[in-house]
N, C-alpha and C. Protein backbone atom coordinates (compact mmCIF):
# COMPACT_ATOMS: atom_id res chain seq x y z
N UNK A 1 10.92 35.94 17.04
CA UNK A 1 11.10 36.01 15.59
C UNK A 1 9.80 36.63 15.12
N UNK A 2 9.92 37.86 14.12
CA UNK A 2 8.79 38.46 13.75
C UNK A 2 8.17 37.77 12.65
N UNK A 3 6.79 37.70 12.62
CA UNK A 3 5.99 37.12 11.63
C UNK A 3 5.95 37.96 10.49
N UNK A 4 5.71 37.19 9.29
CA UNK A 4 5.58 38.03 8.04
C UNK A 4 4.21 38.57 7.92
N UNK A 5 4.12 39.43 6.92
CA UNK A 5 2.77 39.96 6.75
C UNK A 5 1.79 38.96 6.34
N UNK A 6 2.13 37.93 5.44
CA UNK A 6 1.14 36.97 5.04
C UNK A 6 0.88 36.09 6.10
N UNK A 7 1.75 35.82 7.10
CA UNK A 7 1.38 34.97 8.37
C UNK A 7 0.23 35.81 9.13
N UNK A 8 0.20 37.07 9.39
CA UNK A 8 -0.68 37.80 10.00
C UNK A 8 -2.00 37.93 9.12
N UNK A 9 -1.84 37.81 7.80
CA UNK A 9 -3.23 37.74 7.06
C UNK A 9 -3.81 36.36 7.26
N UNK A 10 -3.05 35.29 7.28
CA UNK A 10 -3.67 34.13 7.49
C UNK A 10 -4.27 33.95 8.80
N UNK A 11 -3.54 34.36 9.91
CA UNK A 11 -4.17 34.37 11.21
C UNK A 11 -5.38 35.19 11.35
N UNK A 12 -5.42 36.34 10.58
CA UNK A 12 -6.71 37.22 10.72
C UNK A 12 -7.91 36.44 10.11
N UNK A 13 -7.52 35.66 8.99
CA UNK A 13 -8.73 34.99 8.39
C UNK A 13 -9.16 33.81 9.11
N UNK A 14 -8.20 33.19 9.94
CA UNK A 14 -8.74 32.09 10.72
C UNK A 14 -9.48 32.57 11.85
N UNK A 15 -9.26 33.75 12.33
CA UNK A 15 -10.05 34.34 13.39
C UNK A 15 -11.54 34.51 12.97
N UNK A 16 -11.65 34.90 11.65
CA UNK A 16 -13.01 34.99 11.17
C UNK A 16 -13.90 33.79 11.16
N UNK A 17 -13.30 32.59 11.26
CA UNK A 17 -14.01 31.47 11.29
C UNK A 17 -14.42 30.96 12.70
N UNK A 18 -13.98 31.82 13.77
CA UNK A 18 -14.39 31.34 15.05
C UNK A 18 -15.42 32.20 15.60
N UNK A 19 -15.73 32.12 16.89
CA UNK A 19 -16.88 32.92 17.41
C UNK A 19 -16.79 34.42 17.37
N UNK A 20 -15.39 34.85 17.44
CA UNK A 20 -15.10 36.23 17.43
C UNK A 20 -15.46 36.98 16.02
N UNK A 21 -15.36 36.02 15.04
CA UNK A 21 -15.65 36.60 13.63
C UNK A 21 -16.93 36.32 12.93
N UNK A 22 -17.85 35.92 13.98
CA UNK A 22 -19.11 35.53 13.40
C UNK A 22 -19.89 36.70 12.62
N UNK A 23 -19.93 37.85 13.16
CA UNK A 23 -20.50 38.88 12.47
C UNK A 23 -19.99 39.15 11.06
N UNK A 24 -18.64 39.35 10.94
CA UNK A 24 -17.95 39.52 9.62
C UNK A 24 -18.32 38.43 8.71
N UNK A 25 -18.27 37.20 9.14
CA UNK A 25 -18.52 35.97 8.29
C UNK A 25 -19.88 35.96 7.85
N UNK A 26 -20.86 36.39 8.83
CA UNK A 26 -22.27 36.38 8.41
C UNK A 26 -22.52 37.55 7.33
N UNK A 27 -21.84 38.70 7.47
CA UNK A 27 -22.04 39.73 6.43
C UNK A 27 -21.51 39.32 5.19
N UNK A 28 -20.33 38.60 5.12
CA UNK A 28 -19.69 38.08 3.88
C UNK A 28 -20.74 37.17 3.15
N UNK A 29 -21.14 36.27 3.90
CA UNK A 29 -22.07 35.17 3.24
C UNK A 29 -23.26 35.77 2.81
N UNK A 30 -23.84 36.82 3.40
CA UNK A 30 -25.09 37.45 2.84
C UNK A 30 -24.70 38.10 1.52
N UNK A 31 -23.53 38.86 1.53
CA UNK A 31 -23.22 39.40 0.17
C UNK A 31 -23.04 38.48 -0.99
N UNK A 32 -22.27 37.40 -0.54
CA UNK A 32 -21.73 36.50 -1.62
C UNK A 32 -23.05 35.58 -2.14
N UNK A 33 -24.06 35.42 -1.34
CA UNK A 33 -25.38 34.60 -1.73
C UNK A 33 -25.99 35.49 -2.79
N UNK A 34 -25.93 36.86 -2.73
CA UNK A 34 -26.61 37.71 -3.73
C UNK A 34 -25.92 37.86 -4.97
N UNK A 35 -24.73 37.40 -5.07
CA UNK A 35 -24.00 37.55 -6.24
C UNK A 35 -24.13 36.47 -7.27
N UNK A 36 -23.67 36.59 -8.48
CA UNK A 36 -23.80 35.49 -9.47
C UNK A 36 -23.08 34.32 -9.10
N UNK A 37 -23.23 33.26 -9.75
CA UNK A 37 -22.61 32.05 -9.50
C UNK A 37 -21.03 32.14 -9.64
N UNK A 38 -20.64 32.83 -10.77
CA UNK A 38 -19.28 33.16 -10.95
C UNK A 38 -19.09 34.64 -10.99
N UNK A 39 -18.29 35.21 -9.92
CA UNK A 39 -18.36 36.65 -9.77
C UNK A 39 -16.75 37.02 -9.93
N UNK A 40 -16.46 38.02 -10.76
CA UNK A 40 -15.09 38.36 -10.90
C UNK A 40 -14.72 39.24 -9.79
N UNK A 41 -13.45 39.20 -9.17
CA UNK A 41 -13.06 39.99 -8.13
C UNK A 41 -11.93 40.91 -8.52
N UNK A 42 -11.71 42.07 -7.75
CA UNK A 42 -10.57 42.90 -7.81
C UNK A 42 -9.32 42.50 -7.08
N UNK A 43 -9.57 41.85 -5.96
CA UNK A 43 -8.48 41.48 -5.10
C UNK A 43 -8.98 40.12 -4.33
N UNK A 44 -7.98 39.28 -3.88
CA UNK A 44 -8.43 38.08 -3.21
C UNK A 44 -8.89 38.36 -1.76
N UNK A 45 -9.69 37.54 -1.32
CA UNK A 45 -10.08 37.41 0.02
C UNK A 45 -9.05 36.93 0.95
N UNK A 46 -8.23 36.06 0.49
CA UNK A 46 -7.15 35.51 1.35
C UNK A 46 -5.83 35.65 0.51
N UNK A 47 -5.28 36.84 0.71
CA UNK A 47 -4.10 37.14 -0.03
C UNK A 47 -2.92 36.22 0.04
N UNK A 48 -2.69 35.70 1.25
CA UNK A 48 -1.61 34.81 1.57
C UNK A 48 -1.89 33.51 0.92
N UNK A 49 -3.13 32.95 0.86
CA UNK A 49 -3.32 31.69 0.11
C UNK A 49 -3.28 31.80 -1.44
N UNK A 50 -3.68 33.08 -1.86
CA UNK A 50 -3.71 33.29 -3.31
C UNK A 50 -2.31 33.42 -3.74
N UNK A 51 -1.43 34.05 -3.09
CA UNK A 51 0.06 34.21 -3.41
C UNK A 51 0.75 32.75 -3.34
N UNK A 52 0.36 32.03 -2.37
CA UNK A 52 0.98 30.82 -2.38
C UNK A 52 0.70 29.86 -3.48
N UNK A 53 -0.56 30.05 -4.15
CA UNK A 53 -0.80 29.28 -5.17
C UNK A 53 -0.52 29.83 -6.54
N UNK A 54 0.09 30.88 -6.59
CA UNK A 54 0.66 31.42 -7.72
C UNK A 54 0.07 32.81 -8.30
N UNK A 55 -0.74 33.43 -7.46
CA UNK A 55 -1.42 34.58 -7.99
C UNK A 55 -0.46 35.86 -7.81
N UNK A 56 -0.49 36.76 -8.76
CA UNK A 56 0.28 37.92 -8.66
C UNK A 56 -0.61 39.12 -9.16
N UNK A 57 -0.46 40.25 -8.58
CA UNK A 57 -1.20 41.43 -8.84
C UNK A 57 -0.62 42.11 -10.16
N UNK A 58 -0.76 41.47 -11.21
CA UNK A 58 -0.42 42.12 -12.44
C UNK A 58 -1.21 41.70 -13.55
N UNK A 59 -1.04 42.21 -14.79
CA UNK A 59 -1.77 41.80 -15.96
C UNK A 59 -1.59 40.26 -16.31
N UNK A 60 -2.86 39.86 -16.91
CA UNK A 60 -2.83 38.35 -17.11
C UNK A 60 -3.56 37.54 -16.08
N UNK A 61 -3.50 38.02 -14.98
CA UNK A 61 -4.23 37.12 -13.86
C UNK A 61 -5.68 37.62 -13.62
N UNK A 62 -6.59 36.66 -13.37
CA UNK A 62 -7.94 36.97 -13.20
C UNK A 62 -8.41 36.15 -12.00
N UNK A 63 -9.19 36.86 -11.09
CA UNK A 63 -9.65 36.15 -9.92
C UNK A 63 -11.08 36.08 -9.94
N UNK A 64 -11.72 34.96 -9.69
CA UNK A 64 -13.27 34.93 -9.61
C UNK A 64 -13.54 34.15 -8.30
N UNK A 65 -14.76 34.33 -7.94
CA UNK A 65 -15.37 33.47 -6.74
C UNK A 65 -16.49 32.72 -7.45
N UNK A 66 -16.52 31.48 -6.93
CA UNK A 66 -17.52 30.48 -7.58
C UNK A 66 -18.25 29.89 -6.42
N UNK A 67 -19.60 29.76 -6.57
CA UNK A 67 -20.38 29.16 -5.58
C UNK A 67 -21.04 27.87 -6.05
N UNK A 68 -20.87 26.81 -5.18
CA UNK A 68 -21.21 25.45 -5.47
C UNK A 68 -22.05 25.01 -4.43
N UNK A 69 -23.05 24.22 -4.86
CA UNK A 69 -24.15 23.64 -3.73
C UNK A 69 -23.35 22.54 -3.09
N UNK A 70 -23.72 22.26 -1.79
CA UNK A 70 -23.11 21.31 -1.07
C UNK A 70 -24.03 20.06 -1.09
N UNK A 71 -23.43 18.96 -0.53
CA UNK A 71 -24.17 17.57 -0.50
C UNK A 71 -23.81 16.64 -1.51
N UNK A 72 -24.33 15.54 -1.52
CA UNK A 72 -24.11 14.62 -2.40
C UNK A 72 -25.24 14.53 -3.56
N UNK A 73 -25.16 13.50 -4.33
CA UNK A 73 -26.06 13.48 -5.43
C UNK A 73 -27.54 12.83 -4.95
N UNK A 74 -28.22 13.71 -4.19
CA UNK A 74 -29.49 13.21 -3.65
C UNK A 74 -30.39 12.89 -4.87
N UNK A 75 -31.18 11.76 -4.76
CA UNK A 75 -32.11 11.44 -5.81
C UNK A 75 -33.45 11.16 -5.27
N UNK A 76 -34.54 11.24 -5.99
CA UNK A 76 -35.89 10.97 -5.63
C UNK A 76 -36.04 9.52 -5.31
N UNK A 77 -36.98 9.16 -4.43
CA UNK A 77 -37.16 7.81 -3.93
C UNK A 77 -37.99 7.07 -5.23
N UNK A 78 -37.55 5.76 -5.37
CA UNK A 78 -38.35 4.96 -6.49
C UNK A 78 -39.46 4.38 -5.94
N UNK A 79 -40.60 4.47 -6.52
CA UNK A 79 -41.88 3.96 -5.93
C UNK A 79 -41.98 2.26 -6.20
N UNK A 80 -41.39 1.92 -7.39
CA UNK A 80 -41.63 0.56 -7.74
C UNK A 80 -40.66 -0.23 -6.76
N UNK A 81 -41.14 -1.61 -6.89
CA UNK A 81 -40.44 -2.45 -5.84
C UNK A 81 -39.05 -2.61 -6.18
N UNK A 82 -38.09 -2.53 -5.19
CA UNK A 82 -36.78 -2.84 -5.22
C UNK A 82 -36.19 -3.06 -3.86
N UNK A 83 -35.09 -3.74 -3.89
CA UNK A 83 -34.42 -3.82 -2.59
C UNK A 83 -33.86 -2.36 -2.18
N UNK A 84 -33.57 -2.13 -0.99
CA UNK A 84 -32.96 -0.77 -0.75
C UNK A 84 -31.69 -0.50 -1.39
N UNK A 85 -30.79 -1.47 -1.48
CA UNK A 85 -29.55 -1.26 -1.95
C UNK A 85 -29.54 -1.29 -3.46
N UNK A 86 -30.68 -1.53 -4.07
CA UNK A 86 -30.78 -1.38 -5.55
C UNK A 86 -31.49 -0.14 -5.90
N UNK A 87 -31.99 0.73 -5.06
CA UNK A 87 -32.62 1.84 -5.44
C UNK A 87 -31.76 2.93 -6.02
N UNK A 88 -30.46 3.02 -5.63
CA UNK A 88 -29.56 3.97 -6.09
C UNK A 88 -29.78 5.32 -5.64
N UNK A 89 -30.12 5.53 -4.38
CA UNK A 89 -30.32 6.70 -3.66
C UNK A 89 -29.25 7.06 -2.64
N UNK A 90 -28.91 6.21 -1.77
CA UNK A 90 -27.86 6.52 -0.84
C UNK A 90 -26.45 6.36 -1.39
N UNK A 91 -25.56 7.03 -0.71
CA UNK A 91 -24.19 6.84 -0.99
C UNK A 91 -23.74 7.11 -2.51
N UNK A 92 -24.64 7.98 -3.16
CA UNK A 92 -24.46 8.41 -4.42
C UNK A 92 -23.48 9.73 -4.64
N UNK A 93 -22.21 9.66 -4.07
CA UNK A 93 -21.43 10.80 -4.03
C UNK A 93 -20.49 10.82 -5.30
N UNK A 94 -20.14 12.04 -5.65
CA UNK A 94 -19.25 12.38 -6.74
C UNK A 94 -17.78 11.96 -6.50
N UNK A 95 -17.20 11.46 -7.46
CA UNK A 95 -15.75 11.19 -7.37
C UNK A 95 -14.96 12.54 -7.39
N UNK A 96 -15.56 13.59 -8.02
CA UNK A 96 -14.81 14.87 -7.97
C UNK A 96 -15.26 15.61 -6.79
N UNK A 97 -14.20 16.37 -6.24
CA UNK A 97 -14.65 17.19 -5.18
C UNK A 97 -15.34 18.46 -5.64
N UNK A 98 -15.96 19.22 -4.65
CA UNK A 98 -16.71 20.44 -4.93
C UNK A 98 -15.61 21.50 -5.39
N UNK A 99 -14.58 21.42 -4.96
CA UNK A 99 -13.61 22.50 -5.36
C UNK A 99 -13.11 22.26 -6.84
N UNK A 100 -13.08 21.02 -7.28
CA UNK A 100 -12.78 20.81 -8.68
C UNK A 100 -13.93 21.18 -9.67
N UNK A 101 -15.09 20.98 -9.09
CA UNK A 101 -16.28 21.29 -9.86
C UNK A 101 -16.40 22.86 -10.04
N UNK A 102 -15.99 23.57 -9.05
CA UNK A 102 -16.00 25.02 -9.09
C UNK A 102 -14.91 25.62 -10.09
N UNK A 103 -13.76 24.73 -10.16
CA UNK A 103 -12.76 25.07 -11.01
C UNK A 103 -13.12 24.91 -12.51
N UNK A 104 -14.05 23.89 -12.64
CA UNK A 104 -14.36 23.51 -14.04
C UNK A 104 -15.47 24.56 -14.57
N UNK A 105 -16.37 24.97 -13.56
CA UNK A 105 -17.28 26.03 -13.88
C UNK A 105 -16.67 27.30 -14.22
N UNK A 106 -15.60 27.72 -13.50
CA UNK A 106 -14.85 28.96 -13.76
C UNK A 106 -14.23 28.89 -15.24
N UNK A 107 -13.76 27.81 -15.59
CA UNK A 107 -13.06 27.57 -16.86
C UNK A 107 -14.19 27.61 -18.08
N UNK A 108 -15.38 27.03 -17.85
CA UNK A 108 -16.38 27.25 -18.86
C UNK A 108 -16.81 28.67 -18.82
N UNK A 109 -16.75 29.40 -17.86
CA UNK A 109 -17.12 30.88 -17.78
C UNK A 109 -16.12 31.67 -18.52
N UNK A 110 -14.73 31.23 -18.56
CA UNK A 110 -13.71 32.14 -19.18
C UNK A 110 -13.02 31.06 -20.03
N UNK A 111 -13.54 30.63 -21.21
CA UNK A 111 -12.84 29.67 -22.07
C UNK A 111 -11.41 30.03 -22.56
N UNK A 112 -11.13 31.38 -22.61
CA UNK A 112 -9.88 31.78 -23.04
C UNK A 112 -8.82 31.80 -22.06
N UNK A 113 -9.18 31.58 -20.82
CA UNK A 113 -8.11 31.57 -19.82
C UNK A 113 -7.85 30.07 -19.28
N UNK A 114 -6.90 29.90 -18.46
CA UNK A 114 -6.45 28.67 -17.83
C UNK A 114 -6.55 28.71 -16.51
N UNK A 115 -7.06 27.77 -15.81
CA UNK A 115 -7.24 27.63 -14.35
C UNK A 115 -5.80 27.38 -13.64
N UNK A 116 -5.34 28.17 -12.84
CA UNK A 116 -3.93 27.93 -12.25
C UNK A 116 -4.26 27.09 -10.88
N UNK A 117 -5.10 27.66 -10.11
CA UNK A 117 -5.32 27.01 -8.69
C UNK A 117 -6.55 27.62 -8.10
N UNK A 118 -6.95 27.06 -6.92
CA UNK A 118 -8.08 27.61 -6.26
C UNK A 118 -7.90 27.38 -4.70
N UNK A 119 -8.70 28.10 -3.98
CA UNK A 119 -8.75 27.85 -2.53
C UNK A 119 -10.25 28.12 -1.90
N UNK A 120 -10.44 27.57 -0.72
CA UNK A 120 -11.74 27.80 -0.15
C UNK A 120 -11.67 29.01 0.71
N UNK A 121 -12.86 29.74 0.59
CA UNK A 121 -13.02 30.96 1.38
C UNK A 121 -14.33 30.95 2.25
N UNK A 122 -15.17 30.06 2.21
CA UNK A 122 -16.34 30.01 3.06
C UNK A 122 -17.35 29.05 2.81
N UNK A 123 -18.27 28.82 3.48
CA UNK A 123 -19.46 27.90 3.24
C UNK A 123 -20.59 28.17 4.23
N UNK A 124 -21.72 27.82 3.83
CA UNK A 124 -22.81 27.84 4.82
C UNK A 124 -23.57 26.56 4.78
N UNK A 125 -24.79 26.36 5.16
CA UNK A 125 -25.39 25.10 5.23
C UNK A 125 -25.71 24.58 3.81
N UNK A 126 -25.80 25.23 2.92
CA UNK A 126 -26.21 25.01 1.43
C UNK A 126 -25.14 24.98 0.46
N UNK A 127 -24.21 25.91 0.57
CA UNK A 127 -23.33 26.26 -0.48
C UNK A 127 -21.83 26.37 -0.03
N UNK A 128 -20.90 26.10 -0.83
CA UNK A 128 -19.45 26.46 -0.55
C UNK A 128 -18.97 27.41 -1.57
N UNK A 129 -17.95 28.29 -1.28
CA UNK A 129 -17.42 29.35 -1.98
C UNK A 129 -15.96 29.12 -2.09
N UNK A 130 -15.60 29.18 -3.35
CA UNK A 130 -14.10 29.06 -3.77
C UNK A 130 -13.68 30.23 -4.57
N UNK A 131 -12.47 30.65 -4.34
CA UNK A 131 -11.76 31.79 -5.24
C UNK A 131 -10.74 31.04 -6.21
N UNK A 132 -11.07 31.22 -7.42
CA UNK A 132 -10.27 30.50 -8.58
C UNK A 132 -9.40 31.57 -9.17
N UNK A 133 -8.05 31.09 -9.34
CA UNK A 133 -6.98 31.93 -10.01
C UNK A 133 -6.97 31.48 -11.50
N UNK A 134 -7.23 32.48 -12.24
CA UNK A 134 -7.08 32.19 -13.95
C UNK A 134 -5.95 32.88 -14.40
N UNK A 135 -5.38 32.43 -15.46
CA UNK A 135 -4.30 33.13 -16.22
C UNK A 135 -4.60 33.19 -17.58
N UNK A 136 -4.37 34.25 -18.29
CA UNK A 136 -4.43 34.55 -19.68
C UNK A 136 -3.04 34.02 -20.45
N UNK A 137 -3.04 32.89 -21.00
CA UNK A 137 -1.85 32.47 -21.70
C UNK A 137 -1.33 33.14 -22.77
N UNK A 138 -2.16 34.14 -23.34
CA UNK A 138 -1.72 34.96 -24.50
C UNK A 138 -1.31 36.36 -23.98
N UNK A 139 -1.29 36.78 -22.75
CA UNK A 139 -1.05 38.11 -22.22
C UNK A 139 0.52 38.33 -22.29
N UNK A 140 0.95 39.47 -22.76
CA UNK A 140 2.36 39.66 -22.92
C UNK A 140 3.02 39.56 -21.57
N UNK A 141 2.47 40.02 -20.51
CA UNK A 141 3.09 40.01 -19.09
C UNK A 141 3.42 38.52 -18.74
N UNK A 142 2.43 37.67 -18.99
CA UNK A 142 2.50 36.26 -18.62
C UNK A 142 3.65 35.64 -19.40
N UNK A 143 3.56 35.82 -20.81
CA UNK A 143 4.67 35.30 -21.62
C UNK A 143 6.09 35.72 -21.37
N UNK A 144 6.25 37.00 -20.83
CA UNK A 144 7.41 37.46 -20.48
C UNK A 144 7.95 37.13 -19.09
N UNK A 145 7.11 36.36 -18.25
CA UNK A 145 7.48 35.97 -16.97
C UNK A 145 7.89 34.55 -17.08
N UNK A 146 9.22 34.18 -16.69
CA UNK A 146 9.55 32.72 -16.81
C UNK A 146 8.99 31.86 -15.69
N UNK A 147 8.37 32.49 -14.73
CA UNK A 147 7.81 31.69 -13.67
C UNK A 147 6.37 31.11 -14.03
N UNK A 148 5.85 31.91 -14.88
CA UNK A 148 4.43 31.47 -15.34
C UNK A 148 4.29 31.17 -16.67
N UNK A 149 5.20 31.46 -17.58
CA UNK A 149 5.11 31.33 -19.07
C UNK A 149 4.83 29.88 -19.45
N UNK A 150 5.07 28.97 -18.54
CA UNK A 150 4.80 27.48 -18.84
C UNK A 150 3.35 27.16 -19.24
N UNK A 151 2.47 28.11 -18.64
CA UNK A 151 1.00 27.83 -18.71
C UNK A 151 0.58 28.06 -20.20
N UNK A 152 1.51 28.68 -21.05
CA UNK A 152 1.06 28.98 -22.38
C UNK A 152 1.51 27.71 -23.32
N UNK A 153 1.99 26.71 -22.82
CA UNK A 153 2.42 25.53 -23.63
C UNK A 153 1.12 24.78 -24.07
N UNK A 154 1.15 24.17 -25.19
CA UNK A 154 0.02 23.49 -25.61
C UNK A 154 -0.39 22.23 -24.81
N UNK A 155 0.39 21.74 -23.83
CA UNK A 155 0.16 20.63 -23.15
C UNK A 155 -0.62 21.15 -21.91
N UNK A 156 -0.84 22.41 -21.66
CA UNK A 156 -1.67 22.98 -20.50
C UNK A 156 -3.04 23.41 -20.95
N UNK A 157 -3.29 23.19 -22.14
CA UNK A 157 -4.57 23.47 -22.69
C UNK A 157 -5.66 22.77 -21.99
N UNK A 158 -6.69 23.28 -21.42
CA UNK A 158 -7.74 22.60 -20.79
C UNK A 158 -7.24 21.79 -19.63
N UNK A 159 -6.20 22.31 -18.84
CA UNK A 159 -5.58 21.51 -17.83
C UNK A 159 -6.66 21.18 -16.72
N UNK A 160 -7.62 21.99 -16.46
CA UNK A 160 -8.49 21.80 -15.26
C UNK A 160 -9.31 20.53 -15.52
N UNK A 161 -9.69 20.22 -16.77
CA UNK A 161 -10.49 19.07 -17.19
C UNK A 161 -9.59 17.83 -17.14
N UNK A 162 -8.31 17.81 -17.09
CA UNK A 162 -7.45 16.82 -16.94
C UNK A 162 -6.79 16.50 -15.60
N UNK A 163 -7.38 17.26 -14.64
CA UNK A 163 -6.84 17.03 -13.31
C UNK A 163 -5.49 17.53 -13.10
N UNK A 164 -5.07 18.56 -13.64
CA UNK A 164 -3.59 19.02 -13.39
C UNK A 164 -3.61 20.12 -12.27
N UNK A 165 -4.80 20.65 -11.76
CA UNK A 165 -4.60 21.61 -10.66
C UNK A 165 -4.44 20.77 -9.25
N UNK A 166 -4.42 21.50 -8.35
CA UNK A 166 -4.08 20.92 -6.97
C UNK A 166 -5.31 20.13 -6.55
N UNK A 167 -6.53 20.67 -6.77
CA UNK A 167 -7.76 19.84 -6.56
C UNK A 167 -7.81 18.71 -7.44
N UNK A 168 -7.56 18.88 -8.63
CA UNK A 168 -7.55 17.66 -9.60
C UNK A 168 -6.61 16.59 -9.14
N UNK A 169 -5.40 17.08 -8.72
CA UNK A 169 -4.42 15.91 -8.35
C UNK A 169 -4.92 15.21 -7.14
N UNK A 170 -5.75 15.95 -6.22
CA UNK A 170 -6.23 15.30 -5.06
C UNK A 170 -7.27 14.25 -5.54
N UNK A 171 -8.18 14.44 -6.46
CA UNK A 171 -9.15 13.59 -6.79
C UNK A 171 -8.61 12.41 -7.53
N UNK A 172 -7.19 12.61 -8.25
CA UNK A 172 -6.63 11.44 -8.98
C UNK A 172 -5.83 10.69 -8.01
N UNK A 173 -5.69 10.99 -6.68
CA UNK A 173 -4.95 10.30 -5.72
C UNK A 173 -3.51 10.36 -5.85
N UNK A 174 -2.95 11.52 -6.34
CA UNK A 174 -1.63 11.77 -6.60
C UNK A 174 -0.83 12.47 -5.47
N UNK A 175 -1.55 12.69 -4.39
CA UNK A 175 -0.88 13.35 -3.31
C UNK A 175 -0.52 12.28 -2.13
N UNK A 176 -0.85 11.04 -2.46
CA UNK A 176 -0.49 10.06 -1.67
C UNK A 176 0.54 8.99 -2.15
N UNK A 177 1.49 8.55 -1.38
CA UNK A 177 2.58 7.69 -1.75
C UNK A 177 2.74 6.60 -0.71
N UNK A 178 3.35 5.54 -1.12
CA UNK A 178 3.85 4.56 -0.15
C UNK A 178 2.63 3.56 0.07
N UNK A 179 2.79 2.80 1.17
CA UNK A 179 1.80 1.71 1.46
C UNK A 179 0.39 2.30 1.64
N UNK A 180 -0.61 1.71 1.06
CA UNK A 180 -1.96 2.06 1.05
C UNK A 180 -2.26 2.89 -0.23
N UNK A 181 -1.38 3.26 -1.02
CA UNK A 181 -1.65 4.05 -2.23
C UNK A 181 -1.31 3.31 -3.57
N UNK A 182 -1.21 1.88 -3.38
CA UNK A 182 -0.77 1.12 -4.54
C UNK A 182 -1.94 1.14 -5.76
N UNK A 183 -3.08 1.37 -5.47
CA UNK A 183 -4.14 1.48 -6.45
C UNK A 183 -4.55 2.72 -6.94
N UNK A 184 -3.67 3.88 -6.41
CA UNK A 184 -3.86 5.06 -6.97
C UNK A 184 -3.29 5.44 -8.34
N UNK A 185 -2.35 4.55 -8.68
CA UNK A 185 -1.52 4.83 -9.88
C UNK A 185 -1.68 3.66 -10.88
N UNK A 186 -1.83 3.96 -12.17
CA UNK A 186 -1.65 5.28 -12.82
C UNK A 186 -2.92 6.11 -12.70
N UNK A 187 -4.05 5.38 -12.44
CA UNK A 187 -5.26 6.19 -12.16
C UNK A 187 -6.22 5.16 -11.43
N UNK A 188 -7.16 5.83 -10.78
CA UNK A 188 -8.25 4.89 -10.13
C UNK A 188 -9.04 4.25 -11.16
N UNK A 189 -9.44 4.86 -12.25
CA UNK A 189 -10.11 4.20 -13.31
C UNK A 189 -9.35 2.95 -13.94
N UNK A 190 -8.11 3.17 -14.03
CA UNK A 190 -7.33 2.06 -14.70
C UNK A 190 -7.29 0.84 -13.60
N UNK A 191 -7.38 1.12 -12.42
CA UNK A 191 -7.23 0.05 -11.37
C UNK A 191 -8.61 -0.66 -11.33
N UNK A 192 -9.64 -0.16 -11.78
CA UNK A 192 -10.98 -0.69 -11.58
C UNK A 192 -11.08 -1.66 -12.79
N UNK A 193 -10.49 -1.55 -13.84
CA UNK A 193 -10.64 -2.58 -14.96
C UNK A 193 -10.19 -3.89 -14.64
N UNK A 194 -10.81 -5.00 -15.17
CA UNK A 194 -10.44 -6.33 -14.93
C UNK A 194 -9.07 -6.62 -15.63
N UNK A 195 -8.16 -7.32 -14.71
CA UNK A 195 -6.88 -7.61 -15.27
C UNK A 195 -6.76 -8.85 -16.15
N UNK A 196 -7.50 -9.02 -17.23
CA UNK A 196 -7.65 -10.06 -18.01
C UNK A 196 -6.32 -10.48 -18.70
N UNK A 197 -5.61 -9.58 -19.16
CA UNK A 197 -4.42 -9.80 -19.76
C UNK A 197 -3.33 -10.44 -18.92
N UNK A 198 -3.24 -10.04 -17.64
CA UNK A 198 -2.24 -10.68 -16.73
C UNK A 198 -2.79 -11.92 -16.13
N UNK A 199 -4.10 -12.20 -16.24
CA UNK A 199 -4.69 -13.32 -15.77
C UNK A 199 -4.67 -14.61 -16.68
N UNK A 200 -4.60 -14.29 -18.00
CA UNK A 200 -4.66 -15.49 -18.95
C UNK A 200 -3.14 -15.92 -19.02
N UNK A 201 -3.24 -17.36 -19.16
CA UNK A 201 -1.91 -18.00 -19.27
C UNK A 201 -1.72 -18.59 -20.82
N UNK A 202 -0.61 -18.26 -21.35
CA UNK A 202 -0.33 -18.73 -22.69
C UNK A 202 0.37 -20.11 -22.68
N UNK A 203 -0.31 -21.04 -23.38
CA UNK A 203 0.35 -22.46 -23.35
C UNK A 203 0.93 -22.61 -24.66
N UNK A 204 2.26 -22.82 -24.71
CA UNK A 204 3.05 -22.99 -25.89
C UNK A 204 2.67 -24.14 -26.83
């Protein structure tokens, strides 16, 4: 059975992550490091992934590459006396993923657009690179397309800040179902609150 064009594109990108693609990968990262934090692109690096996430090569779609630093929330050591576990240095990791942070930075850079989705394109020892697909909700071609016109609804305003993208749903735990995911819904923050209302007993 013949493979599709997008299958070949995906295979070619995966080959760049191996030893045979080290030269191309090195040249890409050298170029990306010299660019600004948010760089607008003419075409996606991974066309198959961009298309799967909703990107179309027509008016109203904007593609940017965002650079985010890697690692946790490393903090300076406290000189005053404390127990190690009270210093607040280790295990200070964000609840948000770096991909979600990249989406929010792209949204701040383009406040008149809405983030549709994003995907990973590369990383080195210090930084990660993501490509973000943004949509103009007021563009005539977007409003005329029933497949994407939903993004112009008022409920989609600032959708990236409310965890409505793919990376946001991951952070909210909405991709897990069944046993072991009981405390994911309605949200992790809600499940961290003390259940005083359910623990109190009303005596008639």
